[in-house]
Amino acid sequence: MGISVTQLLIILAIVVVLFGTKRLKNIGADLGGAIKGFKGAMKDGAEDKKNITENDGETLEGEVSSKEKDKV
């Protein structure tokens, strides 16, 4: 039921013939860069979330300009 090694090699050969090795190399580099960027964004998002949860206990200073609710 699964794909055998020979079938994978045939598919690989067809892809190389259709696209060429230079274009496949560029596609691989672009895909690797996209994955690296995604991982970096996930890391930054986790750090931002961590910073937000650490600051939950702090009191914010401010001034109330009006106690009336806006009527819409």
Protein backbone atom coordinates (compact mmCIF):
# COMPACT_ATOMS: atom_id res chain seq x y z
CA MET A 1 0.00 0.00 0.00
CA GLY A 2 2.84 2.43 0.76
CA ILE A 3 5.23 4.02 -1.68
CA SER A 4 8.38 1.97 -2.23
CA VAL A 5 11.91 3.29 -2.62
CA THR A 6 11.93 2.64 -6.37
CA GLN A 7 8.73 4.63 -6.85
CA LEU A 8 10.23 7.53 -4.89
CA LEU A 9 13.36 7.45 -7.05
CA ILE A 10 11.29 7.51 -10.23
CA ILE A 11 9.30 10.50 -8.95
CA LEU A 12 12.54 12.26 -7.99
CA ALA A 13 14.01 11.65 -11.44
CA ILE A 14 10.89 13.07 -13.12
CA VAL A 15 10.97 16.17 -10.88
CA VAL A 16 14.67 16.74 -11.65
CA VAL A 17 14.04 16.43 -15.39
CA LEU A 18 11.07 18.83 -15.25
CA PHE A 19 12.57 21.54 -13.03
CA GLY A 20 16.33 21.04 -13.22
CA THR A 21 18.77 20.89 -10.33
CA LYS A 22 19.45 24.65 -10.22
CA ARG A 23 15.79 25.55 -9.80
CA LEU A 24 15.28 22.82 -7.19
CA LYS A 25 18.25 24.21 -5.25
CA ASN A 26 16.66 27.67 -5.26
CA ILE A 27 13.31 26.26 -4.15
CA GLY A 28 15.04 24.41 -1.31
CA ALA A 29 16.86 27.54 -0.18
CA ASP A 30 13.66 29.58 -0.27
CA LEU A 31 11.78 26.92 1.69
CA GLY A 32 14.56 26.74 4.28
CA GLY A 33 14.56 30.52 4.68
CA ALA A 34 10.79 30.55 5.11
CA ILE A 35 10.95 27.88 7.81
CA LYS A 36 13.76 29.75 9.58
CA GLY A 37 11.72 32.96 9.50
CA PHE A 38 8.64 31.18 10.83
CA LYS A 39 10.60 29.70 13.73
CA GLY A 40 12.05 33.12 14.55
CA ALA A 41 8.59 34.69 14.54
CA MET A 42 7.26 31.95 16.81
CA LYS A 43 10.17 32.52 19.21
CA ASP A 44 9.57 36.29 19.24
CA GLY A 45 5.86 35.76 19.84
CA ALA A 46 6.55 33.45 22.77
CA GLU A 47 8.93 36.03 24.30
CA ASP A 48 6.34 38.81 23.88
CA LYS A 49 3.68 36.66 25.53
CA LYS A 50 6.08 35.87 28.37
CA ASN A 51 6.76 39.59 28.91
CA ILE A 52 3.04 40.39 28.96
CA THR A 53 2.28 37.72 31.57
CA GLU A 54 5.18 38.87 33.77
CA ASN A 55 3.80 42.44 33.85
CA ASP A 56 0.25 41.48 34.89
CA GLY A 57 0.80 42.32 38.58
CA GLU A 58 1.96 45.90 37.99
CA THR A 59 -0.24 48.91 38.65
CA LEU A 60 -0.71 51.34 35.82
CA GLU A 61 -0.72 55.01 36.68
CA GLY A 62 -3.12 57.32 34.90
CA GLU A 63 -5.81 59.91 35.24
CA VAL A 64 -9.52 59.50 34.68
CA SER A 65 -10.83 62.29 32.48
CA SER A 66 -14.51 61.34 32.67
CA LYS A 67 -16.54 58.79 34.58
CA GLU A 68 -19.50 58.96 32.21
CA LYS A 69 -19.98 56.17 29.69
CA ASP A 70 -20.12 57.13 26.05
CA LYS A 71 -23.66 57.01 24.71
CA VAL A 72 -23.78 55.69 21.18
